[in-house]
Structure formats: structure tokens, C-alpha cells
Amino acid sequence: YTIVEPLYCSGDAFIGNAIQDWNGQEMTQMGYWNAQAALDWVKSNANYCGHFKSVVVGGFSAGGLGTMAWVDTILRELPAASQAMLV
């Protein structure tokens, strides 16, 4: 098995791409690009060969939002005989 777990840390549910001003401090939200980088890594490094036996996409709490936002893209880009989403 290969497990890829992007850590949730920017408060944007893996869909943000912005610089916010919070109390005079610039905060960068790059969750979209972090998620895309994780997907690109899987495609380049996980013995991909164009098809997996199975792919499971999961998330909980705030990560469940990112799971729902990304599941269609992930399952489309990582074809598999068996696909599932757990939230």
C-alpha cells in the first residue's frame, strides 16, 4: 500500500490560493497547490503505470471538505479497478 497524507495546515481545506491580511500580518493560503503537488507526486512515484488496483480518498473533520472538493479530480487522474471515498 501507498498512503499519501498531505497535512492540513493553512485553513483553506486544500482549495485556497490566496494571500490574506489578518491583523496586519500577511498569511499565504496555498492548499490548492499543496493538494495538486501531492497528486502529482503520487502519479510520479507510486508505481503508477497508468492504472491502480484500488484508490481510496479519505478525510475527516476539515480535511473532509478537501476530500469532497478533490475526489472527482483524484479519481479521474488515478484510474483504478476499485475506487472509493471515505468522509
N, C-alpha and C. Protein backbone atom coordinates (compact mmCIF):
# COMPACT_ATOMS: atom_id res chain seq x y z
N TYR A 1 0.82 -1.18 0.00
CA TYR A 1 0.00 0.00 0.00
C TYR A 1 0.87 1.25 0.00
N THR A 2 0.37 2.30 -0.63
CA THR A 2 0.98 3.61 -0.56
C THR A 2 -0.05 4.55 0.05
N ILE A 3 0.31 5.20 1.13
CA ILE A 3 -0.57 6.16 1.78
C ILE A 3 0.05 7.54 1.62
N VAL A 4 -0.72 8.46 1.10
CA VAL A 4 -0.28 9.84 0.94
C VAL A 4 -1.18 10.69 1.82
N GLU A 5 -0.58 11.40 2.78
CA GLU A 5 -1.36 12.21 3.72
C GLU A 5 -0.83 13.64 3.74
N PRO A 6 -1.38 14.49 2.88
CA PRO A 6 -0.98 15.90 2.97
C PRO A 6 -1.49 16.47 4.28
N LEU A 7 -0.61 17.12 5.01
CA LEU A 7 -1.01 17.68 6.29
C LEU A 7 -1.85 18.93 6.08
N TYR A 8 -2.87 19.06 6.87
CA TYR A 8 -3.79 20.19 6.78
C TYR A 8 -3.27 21.28 7.70
N CYS A 9 -2.85 22.41 7.12
CA CYS A 9 -2.25 23.43 7.97
C CYS A 9 -2.57 24.86 7.59
N SER A 10 -3.16 25.14 6.45
CA SER A 10 -3.33 26.53 6.05
C SER A 10 -4.75 27.05 6.19
N GLY A 11 -5.65 26.25 6.73
CA GLY A 11 -7.00 26.71 6.99
C GLY A 11 -7.86 26.91 5.77
N ASP A 12 -7.51 26.30 4.65
CA ASP A 12 -8.26 26.55 3.41
C ASP A 12 -8.84 25.30 2.78
N ALA A 13 -8.87 24.19 3.52
CA ALA A 13 -9.48 22.94 3.05
C ALA A 13 -8.91 22.45 1.72
N PHE A 14 -7.65 22.72 1.47
CA PHE A 14 -6.96 22.29 0.24
C PHE A 14 -7.55 22.90 -1.02
N ILE A 15 -8.24 24.01 -0.91
CA ILE A 15 -8.78 24.66 -2.11
C ILE A 15 -8.36 26.12 -2.21
N GLY A 16 -7.58 26.62 -1.25
CA GLY A 16 -7.19 28.03 -1.24
C GLY A 16 -6.00 28.33 -2.13
N ASN A 17 -5.96 29.54 -2.61
CA ASN A 17 -4.85 30.05 -3.40
C ASN A 17 -4.89 31.57 -3.27
N ALA A 18 -4.50 32.07 -2.08
CA ALA A 18 -4.64 33.50 -1.82
C ALA A 18 -3.67 33.95 -0.75
N ILE A 19 -3.46 35.24 -0.71
CA ILE A 19 -2.72 35.87 0.38
C ILE A 19 -3.72 36.73 1.14
N GLN A 20 -3.85 36.47 2.44
CA GLN A 20 -4.81 37.17 3.28
C GLN A 20 -4.07 38.10 4.24
N ASP A 21 -4.70 39.21 4.58
CA ASP A 21 -4.17 40.11 5.59
C ASP A 21 -4.99 39.93 6.85
N TRP A 22 -4.38 39.33 7.87
CA TRP A 22 -5.05 39.10 9.14
C TRP A 22 -4.34 39.89 10.22
N ASN A 23 -5.02 40.91 10.70
CA ASN A 23 -4.47 41.77 11.76
C ASN A 23 -3.10 42.32 11.38
N GLY A 24 -2.95 42.76 10.14
CA GLY A 24 -1.71 43.35 9.68
C GLY A 24 -0.62 42.37 9.31
N GLN A 25 -0.90 41.09 9.36
CA GLN A 25 0.09 40.07 9.00
C GLN A 25 -0.38 39.33 7.75
N GLU A 26 0.50 39.24 6.75
CA GLU A 26 0.17 38.51 5.53
C GLU A 26 0.27 37.01 5.78
N MET A 27 -0.77 36.30 5.42
CA MET A 27 -0.80 34.84 5.54
C MET A 27 -1.10 34.25 4.16
N THR A 28 -0.28 33.32 3.75
CA THR A 28 -0.45 32.69 2.44
C THR A 28 -1.22 31.39 2.59
N GLN A 29 -2.27 31.25 1.81
CA GLN A 29 -3.03 30.01 1.76
C GLN A 29 -2.77 29.37 0.40
N MET A 30 -2.10 28.24 0.42
CA MET A 30 -1.73 27.55 -0.81
C MET A 30 -2.22 26.10 -0.82
N GLY A 31 -3.34 25.85 -0.16
CA GLY A 31 -3.84 24.48 -0.06
C GLY A 31 -4.11 23.82 -1.40
N TYR A 32 -4.62 24.59 -2.35
CA TYR A 32 -4.87 24.03 -3.68
C TYR A 32 -3.58 23.48 -4.28
N TRP A 33 -2.52 24.28 -4.22
CA TRP A 33 -1.25 23.87 -4.82
C TRP A 33 -0.59 22.75 -4.02
N ASN A 34 -0.80 22.74 -2.70
CA ASN A 34 -0.28 21.62 -1.90
C ASN A 34 -0.97 20.31 -2.29
N ALA A 35 -2.28 20.35 -2.47
CA ALA A 35 -3.01 19.15 -2.88
C ALA A 35 -2.60 18.71 -4.28
N GLN A 36 -2.45 19.67 -5.19
CA GLN A 36 -2.03 19.32 -6.56
C GLN A 36 -0.63 18.71 -6.55
N ALA A 37 0.26 19.23 -5.71
CA ALA A 37 1.62 18.68 -5.60
C ALA A 37 1.58 17.24 -5.08
N ALA A 38 0.69 16.96 -4.12
CA ALA A 38 0.56 15.60 -3.61
C ALA A 38 0.06 14.66 -4.70
N LEU A 39 -0.92 15.10 -5.47
CA LEU A 39 -1.44 14.28 -6.57
C LEU A 39 -0.36 14.05 -7.63
N ASP A 40 0.39 15.08 -7.96
CA ASP A 40 1.48 14.94 -8.92
C ASP A 40 2.54 13.96 -8.41
N TRP A 41 2.83 14.03 -7.09
CA TRP A 41 3.81 13.12 -6.50
C TRP A 41 3.36 11.68 -6.65
N VAL A 42 2.09 11.42 -6.37
CA VAL A 42 1.56 10.05 -6.49
C VAL A 42 1.74 9.56 -7.93
N LYS A 43 1.38 10.39 -8.88
CA LYS A 43 1.45 9.99 -10.29
C LYS A 43 2.90 9.74 -10.71
N SER A 44 3.86 10.41 -10.09
CA SER A 44 5.26 10.25 -10.47
C SER A 44 6.00 9.17 -9.68
N ASN A 45 5.52 8.82 -8.49
CA ASN A 45 6.33 8.00 -7.59
C ASN A 45 5.68 6.73 -7.07
N ALA A 46 4.42 6.53 -7.26
CA ALA A 46 3.74 5.42 -6.57
C ALA A 46 3.51 4.21 -7.46
N ASN A 47 4.50 3.82 -8.25
CA ASN A 47 4.37 2.64 -9.11
C ASN A 47 3.06 2.69 -9.90
N TYR A 48 2.80 3.84 -10.46
CA TYR A 48 1.52 4.17 -11.07
C TYR A 48 1.23 3.36 -12.34
N CYS A 49 2.07 3.42 -13.32
CA CYS A 49 1.93 2.68 -14.59
C CYS A 49 0.57 2.86 -15.25
N GLY A 50 -0.12 3.97 -14.99
CA GLY A 50 -1.37 4.27 -15.66
C GLY A 50 -2.62 3.68 -15.06
N HIS A 51 -2.48 2.77 -14.07
CA HIS A 51 -3.67 2.14 -13.51
C HIS A 51 -3.33 1.53 -12.15
N PHE A 52 -4.15 1.82 -11.14
CA PHE A 52 -4.01 1.22 -9.82
C PHE A 52 -5.03 0.11 -9.64
N LYS A 53 -4.75 -0.81 -8.73
CA LYS A 53 -5.73 -1.84 -8.38
C LYS A 53 -6.89 -1.19 -7.62
N SER A 54 -6.57 -0.30 -6.68
CA SER A 54 -7.62 0.41 -5.95
C SER A 54 -7.11 1.77 -5.49
N VAL A 55 -8.03 2.71 -5.36
CA VAL A 55 -7.75 4.05 -4.85
C VAL A 55 -8.85 4.40 -3.85
N VAL A 56 -8.44 4.81 -2.66
CA VAL A 56 -9.38 5.27 -1.65
C VAL A 56 -8.98 6.69 -1.27
N VAL A 57 -9.92 7.61 -1.33
CA VAL A 57 -9.69 9.00 -0.95
C VAL A 57 -10.47 9.24 0.33
N GLY A 58 -9.80 9.74 1.37
CA GLY A 58 -10.47 9.93 2.64
C GLY A 58 -10.05 11.19 3.34
N GLY A 59 -10.92 11.65 4.21
CA GLY A 59 -10.62 12.82 5.02
C GLY A 59 -11.60 12.92 6.16
N PHE A 60 -11.21 13.61 7.21
CA PHE A 60 -12.12 13.80 8.35
C PHE A 60 -11.99 15.21 8.86
N SER A 61 -12.98 15.64 9.57
CA SER A 61 -13.07 16.99 10.11
C SER A 61 -12.92 17.97 8.93
N ALA A 62 -12.10 18.99 9.09
CA ALA A 62 -11.95 19.96 8.00
C ALA A 62 -11.36 19.32 6.74
N GLY A 63 -10.55 18.28 6.91
CA GLY A 63 -10.00 17.57 5.76
C GLY A 63 -11.06 16.90 4.91
N GLY A 64 -12.23 16.65 5.50
CA GLY A 64 -13.35 16.10 4.74
C GLY A 64 -13.82 17.06 3.66
N LEU A 65 -13.71 18.36 3.93
CA LEU A 65 -14.06 19.36 2.91
C LEU A 65 -13.14 19.26 1.71
N GLY A 66 -11.85 19.13 1.96
CA GLY A 66 -10.89 18.97 0.87
C GLY A 66 -11.12 17.68 0.11
N THR A 67 -11.49 16.63 0.85
CA THR A 67 -11.79 15.35 0.20
C THR A 67 -12.93 15.51 -0.79
N MET A 68 -13.99 16.17 -0.36
CA MET A 68 -15.13 16.36 -1.25
C MET A 68 -14.78 17.27 -2.43
N ALA A 69 -13.93 18.26 -2.21
CA ALA A 69 -13.54 19.16 -3.29
C ALA A 69 -12.65 18.48 -4.33
N TRP A 70 -11.82 17.55 -3.89
CA TRP A 70 -10.82 16.95 -4.77
C TRP A 70 -11.17 15.55 -5.29
N VAL A 71 -12.17 14.89 -4.74
CA VAL A 71 -12.38 13.48 -5.06
C VAL A 71 -12.58 13.23 -6.55
N ASP A 72 -13.35 14.05 -7.24
CA ASP A 72 -13.56 13.82 -8.68
C ASP A 72 -12.25 13.91 -9.45
N THR A 73 -11.45 14.91 -9.15
CA THR A 73 -10.16 15.08 -9.83
C THR A 73 -9.23 13.91 -9.55
N ILE A 74 -9.13 13.53 -8.28
CA ILE A 74 -8.23 12.43 -7.91
C ILE A 74 -8.64 11.13 -8.58
N LEU A 75 -9.92 10.79 -8.51
CA LEU A 75 -10.36 9.53 -9.10
C LEU A 75 -10.28 9.54 -10.63
N ARG A 76 -10.42 10.70 -11.24
CA ARG A 76 -10.26 10.81 -12.70
C ARG A 76 -8.79 10.65 -13.10
N GLU A 77 -7.89 11.25 -12.31
CA GLU A 77 -6.46 11.23 -12.67
C GLU A 77 -5.74 9.97 -12.21
N LEU A 78 -6.36 9.20 -11.31
CA LEU A 78 -5.77 7.95 -10.84
C LEU A 78 -6.74 6.80 -11.11
N PRO A 79 -6.86 6.37 -12.37
CA PRO A 79 -7.79 5.30 -12.70
C PRO A 79 -7.47 4.03 -11.90
N ALA A 80 -8.51 3.34 -11.49
CA ALA A 80 -8.34 2.12 -10.71
C ALA A 80 -9.53 1.19 -10.93
N ALA A 81 -9.30 -0.10 -10.72
CA ALA A 81 -10.37 -1.07 -10.84
C ALA A 81 -11.43 -0.84 -9.76
N SER A 82 -11.00 -0.36 -8.59
CA SER A 82 -11.89 -0.09 -7.49
C SER A 82 -11.59 1.30 -6.95
N GLN A 83 -12.63 2.14 -6.81
CA GLN A 83 -12.45 3.48 -6.31
C GLN A 83 -13.48 3.76 -5.22
N ALA A 84 -13.06 4.50 -4.18
CA ALA A 84 -13.97 4.80 -3.09
C ALA A 84 -13.58 6.12 -2.42
N MET A 85 -14.56 6.73 -1.75
CA MET A 85 -14.32 7.93 -0.96
C MET A 85 -14.85 7.69 0.45
N LEU A 86 -14.05 8.05 1.45
CA LEU A 86 -14.47 7.95 2.85
C LEU A 86 -14.40 9.33 3.46
N VAL A 87 -15.50 9.79 4.03
CA VAL A 87 -15.50 11.10 4.71
C VAL A 87 -16.08 10.91 6.09
